[in-house]
PDB file of N, CA and C in Angstrom:
ATOM      1  N   UNK A   1      -8.031  -7.701  -2.651  1.00  0.00           N
ATOM      2  CA  UNK A   1      -8.899  -7.031  -2.307  1.00  0.00           C
ATOM      3  C   UNK A   1      -9.020  -5.575  -3.290  1.00  0.00           C
ATOM      4  N   UNK A   2      -9.655  -5.013  -3.083  1.00  0.00           N
ATOM      5  CA  UNK A   2      -9.858  -3.612  -4.384  1.00  0.00           C
ATOM      6  C   UNK A   2      -9.165  -2.392  -3.393  1.00  0.00           C
ATOM      7  N   UNK A   3      -8.030  -2.230  -4.694  1.00  0.00           N
ATOM      8  CA  UNK A   3      -7.262  -1.390  -4.521  1.00  0.00           C
ATOM      9  C   UNK A   3      -7.451   0.186  -4.804  1.00  0.00           C
ATOM     10  N   UNK A   4      -7.686   1.133  -3.734  1.00  0.00           N
ATOM     11  CA  UNK A   4      -8.060   2.802  -4.273  1.00  0.00           C
ATOM     12  C   UNK A   4      -6.968   3.730  -4.087  1.00  0.00           C
ATOM     13  N   UNK A   5      -6.657   4.836  -4.321  1.00  0.00           N
ATOM     14  CA  UNK A   5      -5.825   5.522  -4.756  1.00  0.00           C
ATOM     15  C   UNK A   5      -6.011   6.735  -3.870  1.00  0.00           C
ATOM     16  N   UNK A   6      -5.731   7.331  -2.530  1.00  0.00           N
ATOM     17  CA  UNK A   6      -6.112   8.759  -2.135  1.00  0.00           C
ATOM     18  C   UNK A   6      -5.179   9.810  -3.218  1.00  0.00           C
ATOM     19  N   UNK A   7      -4.055   9.637  -3.590  1.00  0.00           N
ATOM     20  CA  UNK A   7      -3.175  10.703  -4.133  1.00  0.00           C
ATOM     21  C   UNK A   7      -3.020  10.057  -5.317  1.00  0.00           C
ATOM     22  N   UNK A   8      -2.940  11.542  -6.695  1.00  0.00           N
ATOM     23  CA  UNK A   8      -3.119  10.809  -7.935  1.00  0.00           C
ATOM     24  C   UNK A   8      -1.501  10.305  -8.109  1.00  0.00           C
ATOM     25  N   UNK A   9      -0.759  11.193  -7.453  1.00  0.00           N
ATOM     26  CA  UNK A   9       0.739  10.730  -7.498  1.00  0.00           C
ATOM     27  C   UNK A   9       1.032   9.100  -7.066  1.00  0.00           C
ATOM     28  N   UNK A  10       0.287   8.500  -6.390  1.00  0.00           N
ATOM     29  CA  UNK A  10       0.156   6.798  -6.529  1.00  0.00           C
ATOM     30  C   UNK A  10      -0.287   6.202  -7.570  1.00  0.00           C
ATOM     31  N   UNK A  11      -1.540   6.782  -7.644  1.00  0.00           N
ATOM     32  CA  UNK A  11      -2.253   5.794  -8.776  1.00  0.00           C
ATOM     33  C   UNK A  11      -1.047   5.948 -10.368  1.00  0.00           C
ATOM     34  N   UNK A  12      -0.145   7.051 -10.400  1.00  0.00           N
ATOM     35  CA  UNK A  12       0.470   7.293 -11.941  1.00  0.00           C
ATOM     36  C   UNK A  12       1.621   6.501 -11.812  1.00  0.00           C
ATOM     37  N   UNK A  13       2.086   6.337 -10.481  1.00  0.00           N
ATOM     38  CA  UNK A  13       3.123   5.476 -10.107  1.00  0.00           C
ATOM     39  C   UNK A  13       2.840   4.113 -10.367  1.00  0.00           C
ATOM     40  N   UNK A  14       1.902   3.498  -9.880  1.00  0.00           N
ATOM     41  CA  UNK A  14       1.506   2.297 -10.157  1.00  0.00           C
ATOM     42  C   UNK A  14       1.230   1.833 -11.807  1.00  0.00           C
ATOM     43  N   UNK A  15       0.477   3.006 -12.524  1.00  0.00           N
ATOM     44  CA  UNK A  15       0.059   2.957 -13.783  1.00  0.00           C
ATOM     45  C   UNK A  15       0.975   3.203 -14.555  1.00  0.00           C
ATOM     46  N   UNK A  16       1.864   3.889 -14.566  1.00  0.00           N
ATOM     47  CA  UNK A  16       2.773   4.547 -15.153  1.00  0.00           C
ATOM     48  C   UNK A  16       4.199   4.437 -15.002  1.00  0.00           C
ATOM     49  N   UNK A  17       4.558   4.288 -13.922  1.00  0.00           N
ATOM     50  CA  UNK A  17       5.812   3.650 -13.203  1.00  0.00           C
ATOM     51  C   UNK A  17       6.631   5.322 -13.332  1.00  0.00           C
ATOM     52  N   UNK A  18       5.868   6.477 -13.281  1.00  0.00           N
ATOM     53  CA  UNK A  18       6.180   7.702 -13.056  1.00  0.00           C
ATOM     54  C   UNK A  18       4.826   8.697 -12.551  1.00  0.00           C
ATOM     55  N   UNK A  19       5.383   9.706 -11.782  1.00  0.00           N
ATOM     56  CA  UNK A  19       4.792  10.554 -11.732  1.00  0.00           C
ATOM     57  C   UNK A  19       4.448  11.884 -12.587  1.00  0.00           C
ATOM     58  N   UNK A  20       3.443  12.524 -12.517  1.00  0.00           N
ATOM     59  CA  UNK A  20       3.736  13.937 -13.486  1.00  0.00           C
ATOM     60  C   UNK A  20       4.154  14.886 -12.571  1.00  0.00           C
ATOM     61  N   UNK A  21       4.434  15.080 -10.734  1.00  0.00           N
ATOM     62  CA  UNK A  21       4.744  15.905 -10.185  1.00  0.00           C
ATOM     63  C   UNK A  21       6.276  15.559  -9.846  1.00  0.00           C
ATOM     64  N   UNK A  22       7.115  16.730 -10.016  1.00  0.00           N
ATOM     65  CA  UNK A  22       8.324  16.644  -9.238  1.00  0.00           C
ATOM     66  C   UNK A  22       8.617  16.301  -8.313  1.00  0.00           C
ATOM     67  N   UNK A  23       7.627  16.593  -7.487  1.00  0.00           N
ATOM     68  CA  UNK A  23       7.663  16.397  -6.125  1.00  0.00           C
ATOM     69  C   UNK A  23       7.883  14.930  -5.392  1.00  0.00           C
ATOM     70  N   UNK A  24       7.366  13.990  -6.844  1.00  0.00           N
ATOM     71  CA  UNK A  24       7.149  12.577  -6.278  1.00  0.00           C
ATOM     72  C   UNK A  24       7.878  11.632  -7.153  1.00  0.00           C
ATOM     73  N   UNK A  25       9.187  11.723  -7.165  1.00  0.00           N
ATOM     74  CA  UNK A  25      10.001  11.409  -7.951  1.00  0.00           C
ATOM     75  C   UNK A  25      10.912  10.372  -7.037  1.00  0.00           C
ATOM     76  N   UNK A  26      11.118   8.982  -7.599  1.00  0.00           N
ATOM     77  CA  UNK A  26      11.521   7.946  -7.039  1.00  0.00           C
ATOM     78  C   UNK A  26      12.372   6.933  -7.966  1.00  0.00           C
ATOM     79  N   UNK A  27      13.454   6.074  -7.562  1.00  0.00           N
ATOM     80  CA  UNK A  27      14.203   5.602  -8.243  1.00  0.00           C
ATOM     81  C   UNK A  27      13.288   4.377  -8.901  1.00  0.00           C
ATOM     82  N   UNK A  28      13.760   3.774  -9.732  1.00  0.00           N
ATOM     83  CA  UNK A  28      13.210   2.412 -10.816  1.00  0.00           C
ATOM     84  C   UNK A  28      12.993   1.607  -9.843  1.00  0.00           C
ATOM     85  N   UNK A  29      14.206   1.125  -9.190  1.00  0.00           N
ATOM     86  CA  UNK A  29      14.285   0.032  -7.955  1.00  0.00           C
ATOM     87  C   UNK A  29      12.526   0.560  -7.197  1.00  0.00           C
ATOM     88  N   UNK A  30      12.492   1.077  -6.428  1.00  0.00           N
ATOM     89  CA  UNK A  30      11.482   1.494  -5.632  1.00  0.00           C
ATOM     90  C   UNK A  30      10.137   1.665  -6.357  1.00  0.00           C
ATOM     91  N   UNK A  31      10.091   1.930  -7.692  1.00  0.00           N
ATOM     92  CA  UNK A  31       8.685   1.816  -8.096  1.00  0.00           C
ATOM     93  C   UNK A  31       8.584   0.803  -8.748  1.00  0.00           C
ATOM     94  N   UNK A  32       9.647   0.277  -8.820  1.00  0.00           N
ATOM     95  CA  UNK A  32       9.350  -1.270  -9.340  1.00  0.00           C
ATOM     96  C   UNK A  32       8.793  -2.282  -7.972  1.00  0.00           C
ATOM     97  N   UNK A  33       9.438  -2.123  -6.973  1.00  0.00           N
ATOM     98  CA  UNK A  33       8.853  -2.733  -5.552  1.00  0.00           C
ATOM     99  C   UNK A  33       7.804  -2.389  -5.036  1.00  0.00           C
ATOM    100  N   UNK A  34       7.268  -0.929  -5.684  1.00  0.00           N
ATOM    101  CA  UNK A  34       6.081  -0.561  -5.358  1.00  0.00           C
ATOM    102  C   UNK A  34       4.872  -1.317  -5.668  1.00  0.00           C
ATOM    103  N   UNK A  35       5.048  -1.211  -7.132  1.00  0.00           N
ATOM    104  CA  UNK A  35       4.099  -1.844  -7.951  1.00  0.00           C
ATOM    105  C   UNK A  35       3.769  -3.452  -7.558  1.00  0.00           C
ATOM    106  N   UNK A  36       5.227  -4.211  -7.169  1.00  0.00           N
ATOM    107  CA  UNK A  36       5.052  -5.577  -6.749  1.00  0.00           C
ATOM    108  C   UNK A  36       4.383  -5.673  -5.301  1.00  0.00           C
ATOM    109  N   UNK A  37       4.400  -4.806  -4.656  1.00  0.00           N
ATOM    110  CA  UNK A  37       3.781  -4.722  -3.218  1.00  0.00           C
ATOM    111  C   UNK A  37       2.134  -4.549  -3.465  1.00  0.00           C
ATOM    112  N   UNK A  38       1.923  -3.467  -4.207  1.00  0.00           N
ATOM    113  CA  UNK A  38       0.622  -3.262  -4.651  1.00  0.00           C
ATOM    114  C   UNK A  38      -0.152  -4.462  -5.314  1.00  0.00           C
ATOM    115  N   UNK A  39       0.580  -4.988  -6.016  1.00  0.00           N
ATOM    116  CA  UNK A  39       0.147  -6.379  -6.539  1.00  0.00           C
ATOM    117  C   UNK A  39      -0.437  -7.354  -5.451  1.00  0.00           C
ATOM    118  N   UNK A  40       0.380  -7.679  -4.613  1.00  0.00           N
ATOM    119  CA  UNK A  40       0.413  -8.529  -3.223  1.00  0.00           C
ATOM    120  C   UNK A  40      -0.903  -7.956  -2.649  1.00  0.00           C
ATOM    121  N   UNK A  41      -1.425  -6.689  -2.406  1.00  0.00           N
ATOM    122  CA  UNK A  41      -2.096  -6.241  -1.777  1.00  0.00           C
ATOM    123  C   UNK A  41      -3.282  -6.545  -2.950  1.00  0.00           C
ATOM    124  N   UNK A  42      -3.595  -6.339  -4.127  1.00  0.00           N
ATOM    125  CA  UNK A  42      -4.698  -6.319  -5.016  1.00  0.00           C
ATOM    126  C   UNK A  42      -4.717  -8.358  -4.781  1.00  0.00           C
ATOM    127  N   UNK A  43      -4.223  -9.149  -5.039  1.00  0.00           N
ATOM    128  CA  UNK A  43      -4.262 -10.641  -4.781  1.00  0.00           C
ATOM    129  C   UNK A  43      -5.060 -10.954  -3.416  1.00  0.00           C
ATOM    130  N   UNK A  44      -4.685 -10.274  -2.313  1.00  0.00           N
ATOM    131  CA  UNK A  44      -5.026 -10.847  -1.182  1.00  0.00           C
ATOM    132  C   UNK A  44      -6.528 -10.456  -1.115  1.00  0.00           C
ATOM    133  N   UNK A  45      -7.033 -11.771  -0.342  1.00  0.00           N
ATOM    134  CA  UNK A  45      -8.635 -11.473  -0.257  1.00  0.00           C
ATOM    135  C   UNK A  45      -8.961 -10.753   0.834  1.00  0.00           C
ATOM    136  N   UNK A  46      -7.782 -10.876   1.904  1.00  0.00           N
ATOM    137  CA  UNK A  46      -8.501 -10.241   2.943  1.00  0.00           C
ATOM    138  C   UNK A  46      -7.110  -9.581   3.830  1.00  0.00           C
ATOM    139  N   UNK A  47      -7.249  -8.740   4.830  1.00  0.00           N
ATOM    140  CA  UNK A  47      -5.686  -8.437   5.550  1.00  0.00           C
ATOM    141  C   UNK A  47      -5.028  -9.628   6.175  1.00  0.00           C
ATOM    142  N   UNK A  48      -5.672 -10.542   6.620  1.00  0.00           N
ATOM    143  CA  UNK A  48      -5.487 -11.970   7.321  1.00  0.00           C
ATOM    144  C   UNK A  48      -4.010 -12.746   6.195  1.00  0.00           C
ATOM    145  N   UNK A  49      -4.278 -12.763   4.990  1.00  0.00           N
ATOM    146  CA  UNK A  49      -3.412 -12.670   4.194  1.00  0.00           C
ATOM    147  C   UNK A  49      -2.215 -12.227   3.901  1.00  0.00           C
ATOM    148  N   UNK A  50      -1.970 -11.378   4.450  1.00  0.00           N
ATOM    149  CA  UNK A  50      -1.081 -10.558   4.488  1.00  0.00           C
ATOM    150  C   UNK A  50       0.128 -11.137   5.441  1.00  0.00           C
ATOM    151  N   UNK A  51      -0.490 -11.151   6.467  1.00  0.00           N
ATOM    152  CA  UNK A  51       0.226 -11.693   7.823  1.00  0.00           C
ATOM    153  C   UNK A  51       1.304 -12.787   7.271  1.00  0.00           C
ATOM    154  N   UNK A  52       1.016 -14.281   6.582  1.00  0.00           N
ATOM    155  CA  UNK A  52       2.483 -14.924   6.382  1.00  0.00           C
ATOM    156  C   UNK A  52       3.165 -14.503   5.579  1.00  0.00           C
ATOM    157  N   UNK A  53       2.726 -13.495   4.551  1.00  0.00           N
ATOM    158  CA  UNK A  53       4.148 -12.756   3.934  1.00  0.00           C
ATOM    159  C   UNK A  53       5.545 -12.013   4.460  1.00  0.00           C
ATOM    160  N   UNK A  54       6.419 -12.414   5.147  1.00  0.00           N
ATOM    161  CA  UNK A  54       7.161 -12.112   5.873  1.00  0.00           C
ATOM    162  C   UNK A  54       7.955 -10.771   5.290  1.00  0.00           C
ATOM    163  N   UNK A  55       8.000 -10.867   4.242  1.00  0.00           N
ATOM    164  CA  UNK A  55       8.572  -9.599   3.741  1.00  0.00           C
ATOM    165  C   UNK A  55       7.657  -8.235   3.505  1.00  0.00           C
ATOM    166  N   UNK A  56       6.672  -8.210   3.661  1.00  0.00           N
ATOM    167  CA  UNK A  56       5.936  -7.055   3.378  1.00  0.00           C
ATOM    168  C   UNK A  56       5.704  -6.417   5.147  1.00  0.00           C
ATOM    169  N   UNK A  57       6.167  -7.578   5.888  1.00  0.00           N
ATOM    170  CA  UNK A  57       6.520  -6.989   7.496  1.00  0.00           C
ATOM    171  C   UNK A  57       4.852  -6.063   7.697  1.00  0.00           C
ATOM    172  N   UNK A  58       3.640  -6.406   7.660  1.00  0.00           N
ATOM    173  CA  UNK A  58       2.576  -5.969   7.930  1.00  0.00           C
ATOM    174  C   UNK A  58       2.410  -5.515   9.429  1.00  0.00           C
ATOM    175  N   UNK A  59       1.948  -4.229   9.291  1.00  0.00           N
ATOM    176  CA  UNK A  59       1.800  -3.677  10.903  1.00  0.00           C
ATOM    177  C   UNK A  59       0.741  -2.772  10.736  1.00  0.00           C
ATOM    178  N   UNK A  60       0.106  -3.188  11.962  1.00  0.00           N
ATOM    179  CA  UNK A  60      -0.703  -1.307  12.348  1.00  0.00           C
ATOM    180  C   UNK A  60      -0.065  -0.080  13.046  1.00  0.00           C
ATOM    181  N   UNK A  61      -0.365   0.830  12.400  1.00  0.00           N
ATOM    182  CA  UNK A  61       0.271   2.190  12.858  1.00  0.00           C
ATOM    183  C   UNK A  61      -0.279   2.655  14.246  1.00  0.00           C
ATOM    184  N   UNK A  62       0.584   3.016  15.240  1.00  0.00           N
ATOM    185  CA  UNK A  62       0.472   4.199  16.156  1.00  0.00           C
ATOM    186  C   UNK A  62       0.554   5.363  16.284  1.00  0.00           C
ATOM    187  N   UNK A  63       0.428   6.187  16.977  1.00  0.00           N
ATOM    188  CA  UNK A  63       1.186   7.131  17.563  1.00  0.00           C
ATOM    189  C   UNK A  63       0.201   8.603  16.651  1.00  0.00           C
ATOM    190  N   UNK A  64       0.807   9.021  15.773  1.00  0.00           N
ATOM    191  CA  UNK A  64       0.370  10.193  14.923  1.00  0.00           C
ATOM    192  C   UNK A  64      -0.404   9.626  13.767  1.00  0.00           C
ATOM    193  N   UNK A  65      -0.424   8.203  13.317  1.00  0.00           N
ATOM    194  CA  UNK A  65      -0.634   7.777  12.345  1.00  0.00           C
ATOM    195  C   UNK A  65      -1.335   6.167  12.606  1.00  0.00           C
ATOM    196  N   UNK A  66      -2.212   6.967  14.066  1.00  0.00           N
ATOM    197  CA  UNK A  66      -3.282   5.264  14.636  1.00  0.00           C
ATOM    198  C   UNK A  66      -4.235   5.464  13.332  1.00  0.00           C
ATOM    199  N   UNK A  67      -4.473   4.018  13.302  1.00  0.00           N
ATOM    200  CA  UNK A  67      -5.843   3.841  12.236  1.00  0.00           C
ATOM    201  C   UNK A  67      -5.268   3.721  10.748  1.00  0.00           C
ATOM    202  N   UNK A  68      -4.137   3.699  10.513  1.00  0.00           N
ATOM    203  CA  UNK A  68      -3.455   3.415   8.821  1.00  0.00           C
ATOM    204  C   UNK A  68      -2.654   2.424   9.640  1.00  0.00           C
ATOM    205  N   UNK A  69      -2.459   1.511   8.370  1.00  0.00           N
ATOM    206  CA  UNK A  69      -1.455   0.063   8.465  1.00  0.00           C
ATOM    207  C   UNK A  69      -0.521   0.385   7.629  1.00  0.00           C
ATOM    208  N   UNK A  70       0.436  -0.586   7.564  1.00  0.00           N
ATOM    209  CA  UNK A  70       1.639  -0.412   6.341  1.00  0.00           C
ATOM    210  C   UNK A  70       2.182  -1.799   6.217  1.00  0.00           C
ATOM    211  N   UNK A  71       2.867  -1.687   4.744  1.00  0.00           N
ATOM    212  CA  UNK A  71       3.486  -2.561   4.391  1.00  0.00           C
ATOM    213  C   UNK A  71       5.010  -2.111   3.818  1.00  0.00           C
ATOM    214  N   UNK A  72       5.977  -2.912   3.974  1.00  0.00           N
ATOM    215  CA  UNK A  72       6.966  -2.579   3.545  1.00  0.00           C
ATOM    216  C   UNK A  72       6.894  -2.619   1.765  1.00  0.00           C
ATOM    217  N   UNK A  73       8.032  -1.774   1.389  1.00  0.00           N
ATOM    218  CA  UNK A  73       8.403  -1.477  -0.148  1.00  0.00           C
ATOM    219  C   UNK A  73       9.928  -2.408  -0.303  1.00  0.00           C
ATOM    220  N   UNK A  74      10.925  -1.933   0.963  1.00  0.00           N
ATOM    221  CA  UNK A  74      12.031  -2.435   0.643  1.00  0.00           C
ATOM    222  C   UNK A  74      12.381  -2.010   2.369  1.00  0.00           C
ATOM    223  N   UNK A  75      13.965  -2.117   2.799  1.00  0.00           N
ATOM    224  CA  UNK A  75      14.256  -1.587   3.976  1.00  0.00           C
ATOM    225  C   UNK A  75      13.908  -0.097   4.589  1.00  0.00           C
ATOM    226  N   UNK A  76      13.487   0.800   3.218  1.00  0.00           N
ATOM    227  CA  UNK A  76      13.592   1.988   3.795  1.00  0.00           C
ATOM    228  C   UNK A  76      12.545   2.557   3.398  1.00  0.00           C
ATOM    229  N   UNK A  77      11.493   1.947   2.299  1.00  0.00           N
ATOM    230  CA  UNK A  77      10.206   2.484   1.884  1.00  0.00           C
ATOM    231  C   UNK A  77       8.872   1.877   2.584  1.00  0.00           C
ATOM    232  N   UNK A  78       7.522   2.153   2.487  1.00  0.00           N
ATOM    233  CA  UNK A  78       6.649   1.498   3.161  1.00  0.00           C
ATOM    234  C   UNK A  78       5.741   2.131   2.297  1.00  0.00           C
ATOM    235  N   UNK A  79       4.257   1.473   2.295  1.00  0.00           N
ATOM    236  CA  UNK A  79       3.037   1.361   1.604  1.00  0.00           C
ATOM    237  C   UNK A  79       2.400   1.625   3.054  1.00  0.00           C
ATOM    238  N   UNK A  80       1.544   3.186   3.531  1.00  0.00           N
ATOM    239  CA  UNK A  80       0.649   3.691   3.976  1.00  0.00           C
ATOM    240  C   UNK A  80      -0.655   3.532   3.694  1.00  0.00           C
ATOM    241  N   UNK A  81      -1.631   2.565   4.366  1.00  0.00           N
ATOM    242  CA  UNK A  81      -3.109   2.176   4.112  1.00  0.00           C
ATOM    243  C   UNK A  81      -3.930   2.220   4.604  1.00  0.00           C
ATOM    244  N   UNK A  82      -5.379   2.641   4.251  1.00  0.00           N
ATOM    245  CA  UNK A  82      -6.069   1.971   5.519  1.00  0.00           C
ATOM    246  C   UNK A  82      -7.463   1.193   4.950  1.00  0.00           C
ATOM    247  N   UNK A  83      -7.778   0.106   5.884  1.00  0.00           N
ATOM    248  CA  UNK A  83      -8.491  -0.900   5.119  1.00  0.00           C
ATOM    249  C   UNK A  83     -10.053  -1.278   5.816  1.00  0.00           C
ATOM    250  N   UNK A  84     -10.768  -1.542   5.418  1.00  0.00           N
ATOM    251  CA  UNK A  84     -12.174  -1.783   5.477  1.00  0.00           C
ATOM    252  C   UNK A  84     -12.972  -2.904   4.605  1.00  0.00           C
ATOM    253  N   UNK A  85     -14.238  -3.327   5.433  1.00  0.00           N
ATOM    254  CA  UNK A  85     -14.740  -4.258   4.904  1.00  0.00           C
ATOM    255  C   UNK A  85     -15.924  -4.114   4.349  1.00  0.00           C
ATOM    256  N   UNK A  86     -16.547  -4.191   3.104  1.00  0.00           N
ATOM    257  CA  UNK A  86     -17.574  -3.999   3.028  1.00  0.00           C
ATOM    258  C   UNK A  86     -18.500  -4.991   2.304  1.00  0.00           C
ATOM    259  N   UNK A  87     -19.907  -5.514   2.428  1.00  0.00           N
ATOM    260  CA  UNK A  87     -20.630  -6.200   2.380  1.00  0.00           C
ATOM    261  C   UNK A  87     -20.616  -7.005   3.020  1.00  0.00           C
ATOM    262  N   UNK A  88     -21.786  -8.321   2.635  1.00  0.00           N
ATOM    263  CA  UNK A  88     -22.013  -9.287   4.053  1.00  0.00           C
ATOM    264  C   UNK A  88     -21.646 -10.708   3.673  1.00  0.00           C
ATOM    265  N   UNK A  89     -21.081 -11.447   4.534  1.00  0.00           N
ATOM    266  CA  UNK A  89     -20.611 -13.064   4.430  1.00  0.00           C
ATOM    267  C   UNK A  89     -21.376 -13.551   3.537  1.00  0.00           C
ATOM    268  N   UNK A  90     -21.240 -14.179   2.499  1.00  0.00           N
ATOM    269  CA  UNK A  90     -19.911 -14.690   1.919  1.00  0.00           C
ATOM    270  C   UNK A  90     -19.405 -13.484   1.020  1.00  0.00           C
ATOM    271  N   UNK A  91     -20.045 -12.422   0.609  1.00  0.00           N
ATOM    272  CA  UNK A  91     -19.575 -11.525  -0.536  1.00  0.00           C
ATOM    273  C   UNK A  91     -19.094 -10.398   0.011  1.00  0.00           C
ATOM    274  N   UNK A  92     -18.257 -10.697   1.146  1.00  0.00           N
ATOM    275  CA  UNK A  92     -17.697  -9.225   1.884  1.00  0.00           C
ATOM    276  C   UNK A  92     -16.384  -9.167   0.619  1.00  0.00           C
ATOM    277  N   UNK A  93     -15.852  -8.129   0.757  1.00  0.00           N
ATOM    278  CA  UNK A  93     -14.591  -7.157  -0.130  1.00  0.00           C
ATOM    279  C   UNK A  93     -14.037  -6.406   0.675  1.00  0.00           C
ATOM    280  N   UNK A  94     -12.673  -6.398   0.988  1.00  0.00           N
ATOM    281  CA  UNK A  94     -11.727  -5.416   1.701  1.00  0.00           C
ATOM    282  C   UNK A  94     -11.497  -4.528   0.918  1.00  0.00           C
ATOM    283  N   UNK A  95     -11.934  -3.297   1.029  1.00  0.00           N
ATOM    284  CA  UNK A  95     -11.184  -2.255   0.608  1.00  0.00           C
ATOM    285  C   UNK A  95      -9.767  -1.653   1.133  1.00  0.00           C
ATOM    286  N   UNK A  96      -9.011  -1.574   0.439  1.00  0.00           N
ATOM    287  CA  UNK A  96      -7.531  -1.128   0.602  1.00  0.00           C
ATOM    288  C   UNK A  96      -7.027   0.505   0.196  1.00  0.00           C
ATOM    289  N   UNK A  97      -7.240   1.656   0.556  1.00  0.00           N
ATOM    290  CA  UNK A  97      -7.083   2.854   0.291  1.00  0.00           C
ATOM    291  C   UNK A  97      -5.764   3.572   0.802  1.00  0.00           C
ATOM    292  N   UNK A  98      -4.616   3.027  -0.715  1.00  0.00           N
ATOM    293  CA  UNK A  98      -3.593   3.684   0.086  1.00  0.00           C
ATOM    294  C   UNK A  98      -3.316   5.190   0.024  1.00  0.00           C
ATOM    295  N   UNK A  99      -2.132   5.725   1.216  1.00  0.00           N
ATOM    296  CA  UNK A  99      -2.867   6.771   1.390  1.00  0.00           C
ATOM    297  C   UNK A  99      -1.245   7.633   1.124  1.00  0.00           C
ATOM    298  N   UNK A 100       0.180   6.880   1.032  1.00  0.00           N
ATOM    299  CA  UNK A 100       1.118   7.665   1.148  1.00  0.00           C
ATOM    300  C   UNK A 100       1.738   5.939   0.978  1.00  0.00           C
ATOM    301  N   UNK A 101       3.408   6.403  -0.332  1.00  0.00           N
ATOM    302  CA  UNK A 101       4.320   5.939   0.057  1.00  0.00           C
ATOM    303  C   UNK A 101       5.856   6.458   0.689  1.00  0.00           C
ATOM    304  N   UNK A 102       6.367   6.274   1.594  1.00  0.00           N
ATOM    305  CA  UNK A 102       7.011   7.126   2.681  1.00  0.00           C
ATOM    306  C   UNK A 102       8.138   6.677   2.704  1.00  0.00           C
ATOM    307  N   UNK A 103       9.301   7.169   3.099  1.00  0.00           N
ATOM    308  CA  UNK A 103      10.498   6.668   3.606  1.00  0.00           C
ATOM    309  C   UNK A 103       9.994   6.441   5.215  1.00  0.00           C
ATOM    310  N   UNK A 104      10.490   5.440   5.402  1.00  0.00           N
ATOM    311  CA  UNK A 104      10.182   4.825   7.027  1.00  0.00           C
ATOM    312  C   UNK A 104      10.810   5.524   7.770  1.00  0.00           C
ATOM    313  N   UNK A 105      12.012   6.369   7.412  1.00  0.00           N
ATOM    314  CA  UNK A 105      13.110   6.659   8.363  1.00  0.00           C
ATOM    315  C   UNK A 105      13.042   7.827   8.676  1.00  0.00           C
ATOM    316  N   UNK A 106      11.733   8.961   7.654  1.00  0.00           N
ATOM    317  CA  UNK A 106      12.099  10.332   7.821  1.00  0.00           C
ATOM    318  C   UNK A 106      10.846  11.188   8.531  1.00  0.00           C
TER     319      UNK A 106
END
């Protein structure tokens, strides 16, 4: 999949392992798992490739987050994203826009 980041801090976390903004500070373990999860999304060709990876716990969100999808970083954090398909068969590409790294329980 092609990965796009909707917020600068998300791209900074992936590229540099930290964010310039003091508002977005995460533990090193969370950042490492975040990068690992983004790499798994990048390797997948389509959303259906995420289904068998049980540790990701892929799901479509509902309620006020309808239209978004998520995968787990760990038990507490998840990556929220939206996906779209561009192009025509056999040259389709899935675009994955990373929206948020959020605490699943807050």
